[in-house]
Amino acid sequence: MRQLAIDALRHTYEAQKKNAEYMYNNNKEDLSKLNLALTSWVDANQKLTAIEELEEDFDFYFSK
């Protein structure tokens, strides 16, 4: 169950990044939409990085 929840989070943030990339690539003339796309991409990327770091720590401490 734990792994299913982690995978769901990963999927959510990967989808958020893809959506942000689409927005960024298709709204080059609208500065506010570019900024929104960048903000969304950074948010998702940071959360994916955090998940990876936390999972590595969890594996290190609890897989022994």
Protein backbone atom coordinates (compact mmCIF):
# COMPACT_ATOMS: atom_id res chain seq x y z
CA MET A 1 0.00 0.00 0.00
CA ARG A 2 2.85 2.37 0.84
CA GLN A 3 4.49 1.88 -2.54
CA LEU A 4 1.18 2.46 -4.31
CA ALA A 5 0.82 5.82 -2.58
CA ILE A 6 4.40 6.82 -3.50
CA ASP A 7 3.82 5.78 -7.11
CA ALA A 8 0.60 7.81 -7.23
CA LEU A 9 2.47 10.89 -6.02
CA ARG A 10 5.20 10.36 -8.60
CA HIS A 11 2.62 10.01 -11.35
CA THR A 12 0.84 13.18 -10.20
CA TYR A 13 4.02 15.27 -10.21
CA GLU A 14 5.28 13.83 -13.50
CA ALA A 15 1.93 14.76 -15.07
CA GLN A 16 2.22 18.24 -13.56
CA LYS A 17 5.65 18.64 -15.15
CA LYS A 18 4.38 17.50 -18.56
CA ASN A 19 1.46 19.93 -18.34
CA ALA A 20 3.83 22.76 -17.40
CA GLU A 21 6.12 21.90 -20.32
CA TYR A 22 3.14 22.00 -22.69
CA MET A 23 2.02 25.36 -21.31
CA TYR A 24 5.54 26.75 -21.59
CA ASN A 25 6.01 25.60 -25.16
CA ASN A 26 2.63 26.84 -26.37
CA ASN A 27 2.41 30.24 -24.67
CA LYS A 28 5.65 31.99 -25.60
CA GLU A 29 3.96 35.39 -26.02
CA ASP A 30 2.15 35.47 -22.67
CA LEU A 31 4.57 36.27 -19.85
CA SER A 32 2.10 35.42 -17.08
CA LYS A 33 1.43 31.96 -18.55
CA LEU A 34 5.17 31.37 -18.97
CA ASN A 35 5.70 32.29 -15.33
CA LEU A 36 2.84 30.02 -14.24
CA ALA A 37 4.30 27.16 -16.28
CA LEU A 38 7.75 27.64 -14.76
CA THR A 39 6.34 27.85 -11.24
CA SER A 40 4.35 24.66 -11.75
CA TRP A 41 7.31 22.81 -13.29
CA VAL A 42 9.67 23.82 -10.48
CA ASP A 43 7.11 22.82 -7.84
CA ALA A 44 6.62 19.38 -9.36
CA ASN A 45 10.34 18.86 -9.92
CA GLN A 46 11.17 19.76 -6.32
CA LYS A 47 8.53 17.38 -5.03
CA LEU A 48 9.82 14.54 -7.22
CA THR A 49 13.35 15.20 -5.97
CA ALA A 50 12.11 15.20 -2.37
CA ILE A 51 10.34 11.87 -2.89
CA GLU A 52 13.54 10.34 -4.28
CA GLU A 53 15.63 11.62 -1.36
CA LEU A 54 13.11 10.48 1.23
CA GLU A 55 12.81 7.05 -0.40
CA GLU A 56 16.61 6.67 -0.41
CA ASP A 57 16.69 7.58 3.30
CA PHE A 58 13.82 5.20 4.05
CA ASP A 59 15.54 2.38 2.18
CA PHE A 60 18.83 3.09 3.93
CA TYR A 61 17.36 3.06 7.45
CA PHE A 62 14.58 0.51 7.15
CA SER A 63 15.78 -2.05 4.61
CA LYS A 64 18.40 -3.59 6.83
